[in-house]
């Protein structure tokens, strides 16, 4: 599944008008100066999340290799 398909599935029945309304609300609520700071913070958060996920995946793979090597020695 591509990222665009995942985004479209997530949005479901949200149309262009709803997205524009949300954008205008965000612009009014946060102001033009705060939006870049907000997006920068979100980008950092997403990067940290991806790094943490890759660390967890590596640990699981390493523990699986360690367990299979112990099973091989036990035979």
PDB file of N, CA and C in Angstrom:
ATOM      1  N   UNK A   1       0.854  -1.171   0.000  1.00  0.00           N
ATOM      2  CA  UNK A   1       0.000   0.000   0.000  1.00  0.00           C
ATOM      3  C   UNK A   1       0.903   1.239   0.000  1.00  0.00           C
ATOM      4  N   UNK A   2       0.618   2.130  -0.859  1.00  0.00           N
ATOM      5  CA  UNK A   2       1.419   3.340  -0.923  1.00  0.00           C
ATOM      6  C   UNK A   2       0.987   4.317   0.167  1.00  0.00           C
ATOM      7  N   UNK A   3       1.829   5.298   0.409  1.00  0.00           N
ATOM      8  CA  UNK A   3       1.528   6.286   1.436  1.00  0.00           C
ATOM      9  C   UNK A   3       0.273   7.071   1.072  1.00  0.00           C
ATOM     10  N   UNK A   4       0.146   7.403  -0.207  1.00  0.00           N
ATOM     11  CA  UNK A   4      -1.018   8.189  -0.630  1.00  0.00           C
ATOM     12  C   UNK A   4      -2.308   7.400  -0.405  1.00  0.00           C
ATOM     13  N   UNK A   5      -2.289   6.101  -0.690  1.00  0.00           N
ATOM     14  CA  UNK A   5      -3.482   5.286  -0.440  1.00  0.00           C
ATOM     15  C   UNK A   5      -3.806   5.234   1.049  1.00  0.00           C
ATOM     16  N   UNK A   6      -2.758   5.129   1.879  1.00  0.00           N
ATOM     17  CA  UNK A   6      -2.976   5.094   3.324  1.00  0.00           C
ATOM     18  C   UNK A   6      -3.582   6.406   3.797  1.00  0.00           C
ATOM     19  N   UNK A   7      -3.104   7.525   3.253  1.00  0.00           N
ATOM     20  CA  UNK A   7      -3.647   8.830   3.637  1.00  0.00           C
ATOM     21  C   UNK A   7      -5.109   8.932   3.209  1.00  0.00           C
ATOM     22  N   UNK A   8      -5.398   8.496   2.002  1.00  0.00           N
ATOM     23  CA  UNK A   8      -6.771   8.572   1.515  1.00  0.00           C
ATOM     24  C   UNK A   8      -7.690   7.673   2.331  1.00  0.00           C
ATOM     25  N   UNK A   9      -7.218   6.503   2.737  1.00  0.00           N
ATOM     26  CA  UNK A   9      -8.031   5.631   3.571  1.00  0.00           C
ATOM     27  C   UNK A   9      -8.255   6.247   4.941  1.00  0.00           C
ATOM     28  N   UNK A  10      -7.243   6.912   5.459  1.00  0.00           N
ATOM     29  CA  UNK A  10      -7.359   7.561   6.760  1.00  0.00           C
ATOM     30  C   UNK A  10      -8.374   8.696   6.713  1.00  0.00           C
ATOM     31  N   UNK A  11      -8.338   9.473   5.654  1.00  0.00           N
ATOM     32  CA  UNK A  11      -9.239  10.618   5.547  1.00  0.00           C
ATOM     33  C   UNK A  11     -10.664  10.201   5.249  1.00  0.00           C
ATOM     34  N   UNK A  12     -10.838   9.070   4.604  1.00  0.00           N
ATOM     35  CA  UNK A  12     -12.172   8.559   4.341  1.00  0.00           C
ATOM     36  C   UNK A  12     -13.008   9.502   3.501  1.00  0.00           C
ATOM     37  N   UNK A  13     -14.085  10.016   4.072  1.00  0.00           N
ATOM     38  CA  UNK A  13     -15.003  10.872   3.334  1.00  0.00           C
ATOM     39  C   UNK A  13     -14.716  12.357   3.466  1.00  0.00           C
ATOM     40  N   UNK A  14     -13.523  12.722   3.909  1.00  0.00           N
ATOM     41  CA  UNK A  14     -13.196  14.134   4.045  1.00  0.00           C
ATOM     42  C   UNK A  14     -12.884  14.690   2.667  1.00  0.00           C
ATOM     43  N   UNK A  15     -13.607  15.712   2.278  1.00  0.00           N
ATOM     44  CA  UNK A  15     -13.424  16.303   0.965  1.00  0.00           C
ATOM     45  C   UNK A  15     -12.528  17.529   1.005  1.00  0.00           C
ATOM     46  N   UNK A  16     -12.399  18.155  -0.153  1.00  0.00           N
ATOM     47  CA  UNK A  16     -11.538  19.319  -0.299  1.00  0.00           C
ATOM     48  C   UNK A  16     -12.012  20.484   0.561  1.00  0.00           C
ATOM     49  N   UNK A  17     -13.320  20.681   0.612  1.00  0.00           N
ATOM     50  CA  UNK A  17     -13.862  21.795   1.405  1.00  0.00           C
ATOM     51  C   UNK A  17     -13.570  21.625   2.893  1.00  0.00           C
ATOM     52  N   UNK A  18     -13.671  20.401   3.388  1.00  0.00           N
ATOM     53  CA  UNK A  18     -13.384  20.154   4.798  1.00  0.00           C
ATOM     54  C   UNK A  18     -11.920  20.387   5.100  1.00  0.00           C
ATOM     55  N   UNK A  19     -11.042  19.950   4.196  1.00  0.00           N
ATOM     56  CA  UNK A  19      -9.607  20.161   4.393  1.00  0.00           C
ATOM     57  C   UNK A  19      -9.280  21.653   4.389  1.00  0.00           C
ATOM     58  N   UNK A  20      -9.896  22.403   3.476  1.00  0.00           N
ATOM     59  CA  UNK A  20      -9.670  23.848   3.434  1.00  0.00           C
ATOM     60  C   UNK A  20     -10.192  24.518   4.708  1.00  0.00           C
ATOM     61  N   UNK A  21     -11.328  24.082   5.210  1.00  0.00           N
ATOM     62  CA  UNK A  21     -11.879  24.634   6.445  1.00  0.00           C
ATOM     63  C   UNK A  21     -10.934  24.371   7.614  1.00  0.00           C
ATOM     64  N   UNK A  22     -10.410  23.181   7.693  1.00  0.00           N
ATOM     65  CA  UNK A  22      -9.447  22.857   8.745  1.00  0.00           C
ATOM     66  C   UNK A  22      -8.201  23.726   8.606  1.00  0.00           C
ATOM     67  N   UNK A  23      -7.712  23.908   7.376  1.00  0.00           N
ATOM     68  CA  UNK A  23      -6.543  24.754   7.137  1.00  0.00           C
ATOM     69  C   UNK A  23      -6.770  26.191   7.559  1.00  0.00           C
ATOM     70  N   UNK A  24      -7.927  26.738   7.247  1.00  0.00           N
ATOM     71  CA  UNK A  24      -8.253  28.113   7.642  1.00  0.00           C
ATOM     72  C   UNK A  24      -8.353  28.215   9.161  1.00  0.00           C
ATOM     73  N   UNK A  25      -8.973  27.223   9.785  1.00  0.00           N
ATOM     74  CA  UNK A  25      -9.081  27.215  11.246  1.00  0.00           C
ATOM     75  C   UNK A  25      -7.703  27.195  11.893  1.00  0.00           C
ATOM     76  N   UNK A  26      -6.818  26.346  11.379  1.00  0.00           N
ATOM     77  CA  UNK A  26      -5.460  26.263  11.924  1.00  0.00           C
ATOM     78  C   UNK A  26      -4.732  27.588  11.725  1.00  0.00           C
ATOM     79  N   UNK A  27      -4.873  28.192  10.559  1.00  0.00           N
ATOM     80  CA  UNK A  27      -4.230  29.469  10.281  1.00  0.00           C
ATOM     81  C   UNK A  27      -4.732  30.561  11.224  1.00  0.00           C
ATOM     82  N   UNK A  28      -6.028  30.614  11.466  1.00  0.00           N
ATOM     83  CA  UNK A  28      -6.600  31.621  12.370  1.00  0.00           C
ATOM     84  C   UNK A  28      -6.206  31.326  13.823  1.00  0.00           C
ATOM     85  N   UNK A  29      -6.294  30.062  14.206  1.00  0.00           N
ATOM     86  CA  UNK A  29      -6.048  29.687  15.599  1.00  0.00           C
ATOM     87  C   UNK A  29      -4.582  29.858  15.990  1.00  0.00           C
ATOM     88  N   UNK A  30      -3.654  29.383  15.143  1.00  0.00           N
ATOM     89  CA  UNK A  30      -2.238  29.424  15.482  1.00  0.00           C
ATOM     90  C   UNK A  30      -1.536  30.668  14.947  1.00  0.00           C
ATOM     91  N   UNK A  31      -1.994  31.211  13.850  1.00  0.00           N
ATOM     92  CA  UNK A  31      -1.317  32.342  13.234  1.00  0.00           C
ATOM     93  C   UNK A  31      -0.233  31.862  12.283  1.00  0.00           C
ATOM     94  N   UNK A  32       0.108  32.717  11.340  1.00  0.00           N
ATOM     95  CA  UNK A  32       1.061  32.325  10.294  1.00  0.00           C
ATOM     96  C   UNK A  32       2.459  32.094  10.846  1.00  0.00           C
ATOM     97  N   UNK A  33       2.809  32.759  11.926  1.00  0.00           N
ATOM     98  CA  UNK A  33       4.170  32.613  12.472  1.00  0.00           C
ATOM     99  C   UNK A  33       4.357  31.321  13.248  1.00  0.00           C
ATOM    100  N   UNK A  34       3.311  30.799  13.834  1.00  0.00           N
ATOM    101  CA  UNK A  34       3.411  29.592  14.667  1.00  0.00           C
ATOM    102  C   UNK A  34       3.364  28.295  13.859  1.00  0.00           C
ATOM    103  N   UNK A  35       2.789  28.330  12.672  1.00  0.00           N
ATOM    104  CA  UNK A  35       2.628  27.104  11.894  1.00  0.00           C
ATOM    105  C   UNK A  35       3.972  26.464  11.535  1.00  0.00           C
ATOM    106  N   UNK A  36       4.980  27.211  11.063  1.00  0.00           N
ATOM    107  CA  UNK A  36       6.273  26.565  10.781  1.00  0.00           C
ATOM    108  C   UNK A  36       6.911  25.943  12.023  1.00  0.00           C
ATOM    109  N   UNK A  37       6.782  26.607  13.167  1.00  0.00           N
ATOM    110  CA  UNK A  37       7.317  26.044  14.408  1.00  0.00           C
ATOM    111  C   UNK A  37       6.590  24.747  14.765  1.00  0.00           C
ATOM    112  N   UNK A  38       5.278  24.758  14.595  1.00  0.00           N
ATOM    113  CA  UNK A  38       4.464  23.589  14.883  1.00  0.00           C
ATOM    114  C   UNK A  38       4.840  22.415  13.971  1.00  0.00           C
ATOM    115  N   UNK A  39       4.996  22.701  12.681  1.00  0.00           N
ATOM    116  CA  UNK A  39       5.350  21.646  11.728  1.00  0.00           C
ATOM    117  C   UNK A  39       6.761  21.115  11.989  1.00  0.00           C
ATOM    118  N   UNK A  40       7.680  21.999  12.378  1.00  0.00           N
ATOM    119  CA  UNK A  40       9.038  21.573  12.704  1.00  0.00           C
ATOM    120  C   UNK A  40       9.016  20.624  13.902  1.00  0.00           C
ATOM    121  N   UNK A  41       8.232  20.968  14.901  1.00  0.00           N
ATOM    122  CA  UNK A  41       8.096  20.107  16.074  1.00  0.00           C
ATOM    123  C   UNK A  41       7.485  18.763  15.723  1.00  0.00           C
ATOM    124  N   UNK A  42       6.469  18.782  14.850  1.00  0.00           N
ATOM    125  CA  UNK A  42       5.859  17.526  14.426  1.00  0.00           C
ATOM    126  C   UNK A  42       6.856  16.672  13.649  1.00  0.00           C
ATOM    127  N   UNK A  43       7.666  17.311  12.808  1.00  0.00           N
ATOM    128  CA  UNK A  43       8.677  16.576  12.051  1.00  0.00           C
ATOM    129  C   UNK A  43       9.693  15.914  12.962  1.00  0.00           C
ATOM    130  N   UNK A  44      10.122  16.637  13.983  1.00  0.00           N
ATOM    131  CA  UNK A  44      11.069  16.059  14.944  1.00  0.00           C
ATOM    132  C   UNK A  44      10.433  14.889  15.684  1.00  0.00           C
ATOM    133  N   UNK A  45       9.171  15.048  16.051  1.00  0.00           N
ATOM    134  CA  UNK A  45       8.475  13.971  16.744  1.00  0.00           C
ATOM    135  C   UNK A  45       8.337  12.724  15.890  1.00  0.00           C
ATOM    136  N   UNK A  46       8.017  12.906  14.622  1.00  0.00           N
ATOM    137  CA  UNK A  46       7.896  11.766  13.705  1.00  0.00           C
ATOM    138  C   UNK A  46       9.252  11.086  13.525  1.00  0.00           C
ATOM    139  N   UNK A  47      10.316  11.882  13.409  1.00  0.00           N
ATOM    140  CA  UNK A  47      11.664  11.318  13.253  1.00  0.00           C
ATOM    141  C   UNK A  47      12.060  10.508  14.486  1.00  0.00           C
ATOM    142  N   UNK A  48      11.795  11.042  15.669  1.00  0.00           N
ATOM    143  CA  UNK A  48      12.102  10.313  16.898  1.00  0.00           C
ATOM    144  C   UNK A  48      11.298   9.024  16.985  1.00  0.00           C
ATOM    145  N   UNK A  49      10.036   9.066  16.579  1.00  0.00           N
ATOM    146  CA  UNK A  49       9.195   7.868  16.593  1.00  0.00           C
ATOM    147  C   UNK A  49       9.746   6.807  15.650  1.00  0.00           C
ATOM    148  N   UNK A  50      10.136   7.224  14.437  1.00  0.00           N
ATOM    149  CA  UNK A  50      10.696   6.270  13.477  1.00  0.00           C
ATOM    150  C   UNK A  50      11.999   5.675  13.989  1.00  0.00           C
ATOM    151  N   UNK A  51      12.851   6.511  14.604  1.00  0.00           N
ATOM    152  CA  UNK A  51      14.103   6.008  15.167  1.00  0.00           C
ATOM    153  C   UNK A  51      13.840   4.990  16.268  1.00  0.00           C
ATOM    154  N   UNK A  52      12.874   5.282  17.128  1.00  0.00           N
ATOM    155  CA  UNK A  52      12.537   4.359  18.208  1.00  0.00           C
ATOM    156  C   UNK A  52      11.982   3.052  17.651  1.00  0.00           C
ATOM    157  N   UNK A  53      11.159   3.139  16.619  1.00  0.00           N
ATOM    158  CA  UNK A  53      10.609   1.924  16.008  1.00  0.00           C
ATOM    159  C   UNK A  53      11.712   1.075  15.388  1.00  0.00           C
ATOM    160  N   UNK A  54      12.669   1.704  14.726  1.00  0.00           N
ATOM    161  CA  UNK A  54      13.760   0.937  14.126  1.00  0.00           C
ATOM    162  C   UNK A  54      14.640   0.308  15.205  1.00  0.00           C
ATOM    163  N   UNK A  55      14.832   1.008  16.341  1.00  0.00           N
ATOM    164  CA  UNK A  55      15.597   0.433  17.444  1.00  0.00           C
ATOM    165  C   UNK A  55      14.897  -0.795  18.014  1.00  0.00           C
ATOM    166  N   UNK A  56      13.590  -0.705  18.201  1.00  0.00           N
ATOM    167  CA  UNK A  56      12.827  -1.835  18.727  1.00  0.00           C
ATOM    168  C   UNK A  56      12.883  -3.011  17.747  1.00  0.00           C
ATOM    169  N   UNK A  57      12.738  -2.721  16.457  1.00  0.00           N
ATOM    170  CA  UNK A  57      12.784  -3.769  15.451  1.00  0.00           C
ATOM    171  C   UNK A  57      14.144  -4.462  15.463  1.00  0.00           C
ATOM    172  N   UNK A  58      15.218  -3.676  15.589  1.00  0.00           N
ATOM    173  CA  UNK A  58      16.571  -4.249  15.621  1.00  0.00           C
ATOM    174  C   UNK A  58      16.754  -5.126  16.857  1.00  0.00           C
ATOM    175  N   UNK A  59      16.252  -4.666  18.004  1.00  0.00           N
ATOM    176  CA  UNK A  59      16.361  -5.459  19.229  1.00  0.00           C
ATOM    177  C   UNK A  59      15.604  -6.777  19.109  1.00  0.00           C
ATOM    178  N   UNK A  60      14.423  -6.749  18.507  1.00  0.00           N
ATOM    179  CA  UNK A  60      13.639  -7.974  18.339  1.00  0.00           C
ATOM    180  C   UNK A  60      14.362  -8.927  17.405  1.00  0.00           C
ATOM    181  N   UNK A  61      14.906  -8.416  16.318  1.00  0.00           N
ATOM    182  CA  UNK A  61      15.641  -9.266  15.385  1.00  0.00           C
ATOM    183  C   UNK A  61      16.879  -9.856  16.039  1.00  0.00           C
ATOM    184  N   UNK A  62      17.608  -9.039  16.820  1.00  0.00           N
ATOM    185  CA  UNK A  62      18.805  -9.529  17.496  1.00  0.00           C
ATOM    186  C   UNK A  62      18.462 -10.598  18.524  1.00  0.00           C
ATOM    187  N   UNK A  63      17.392 -10.409  19.277  1.00  0.00           N
ATOM    188  CA  UNK A  63      17.000 -11.403  20.270  1.00  0.00           C
ATOM    189  C   UNK A  63      16.530 -12.687  19.589  1.00  0.00           C
ATOM    190  N   UNK A  64      15.894 -12.563  18.435  1.00  0.00           N
ATOM    191  CA  UNK A  64      15.492 -13.753  17.683  1.00  0.00           C
ATOM    192  C   UNK A  64      16.692 -14.535  17.182  1.00  0.00           C
ATOM    193  N   UNK A  65      17.703 -13.824  16.705  1.00  0.00           N
ATOM    194  CA  UNK A  65      18.926 -14.490  16.252  1.00  0.00           C
ATOM    195  C   UNK A  65      19.636 -15.155  17.424  1.00  0.00           C
ATOM    196  N   UNK A  66      19.663 -14.474  18.563  1.00  0.00           N
ATOM    197  CA  UNK A  66      20.315 -15.025  19.749  1.00  0.00           C
ATOM    198  C   UNK A  66      19.586 -16.284  20.215  1.00  0.00           C
ATOM    199  N   UNK A  67      18.268 -16.255  20.216  1.00  0.00           N
ATOM    200  CA  UNK A  67      17.485 -17.411  20.654  1.00  0.00           C
ATOM    201  C   UNK A  67      17.680 -18.592  19.704  1.00  0.00           C
ATOM    202  N   UNK A  68      17.699 -18.304  18.390  1.00  0.00           N
ATOM    203  CA  UNK A  68      17.882 -19.404  17.448  1.00  0.00           C
ATOM    204  C   UNK A  68      19.300 -19.973  17.533  1.00  0.00           C
ATOM    205  N   UNK A  69      20.290 -19.147  17.824  1.00  0.00           N
ATOM    206  CA  UNK A  69      21.640 -19.670  17.965  1.00  0.00           C
ATOM    207  C   UNK A  69      21.762 -20.512  19.233  1.00  0.00           C
ATOM    208  N   UNK A  70      21.055 -20.139  20.315  1.00  0.00           N
ATOM    209  CA  UNK A  70      21.059 -20.955  21.534  1.00  0.00           C
ATOM    210  C   UNK A  70      20.374 -22.277  21.314  1.00  0.00           C
ATOM    211  N   UNK A  71      19.302 -22.286  20.526  1.00  0.00           N
ATOM    212  CA  UNK A  71      18.610 -23.534  20.210  1.00  0.00           C
ATOM    213  C   UNK A  71      19.516 -24.448  19.394  1.00  0.00           C
ATOM    214  N   UNK A  72      20.285 -23.854  18.492  1.00  0.00           N
ATOM    215  CA  UNK A  72      21.201 -24.636  17.663  1.00  0.00           C
ATOM    216  C   UNK A  72      22.322 -25.251  18.485  1.00  0.00           C
ATOM    217  N   UNK A  73      22.782 -24.541  19.512  1.00  0.00           N
ATOM    218  CA  UNK A  73      23.839 -25.065  20.383  1.00  0.00           C
ATOM    219  C   UNK A  73      23.318 -26.166  21.294  1.00  0.00           C
ATOM    220  N   UNK A  74      22.062 -26.117  21.654  1.00  0.00           N
ATOM    221  CA  UNK A  74      21.460 -27.058  22.575  1.00  0.00           C
ATOM    222  C   UNK A  74      21.216 -28.423  21.968  1.00  0.00           C
ATOM    223  N   UNK A  75      21.283 -28.539  20.659  1.00  0.00           N
ATOM    224  CA  UNK A  75      20.994 -29.828  20.004  1.00  0.00           C
ATOM    225  C   UNK A  75      22.086 -30.820  20.207  1.00  0.00           C
TER     226      UNK A  75
END
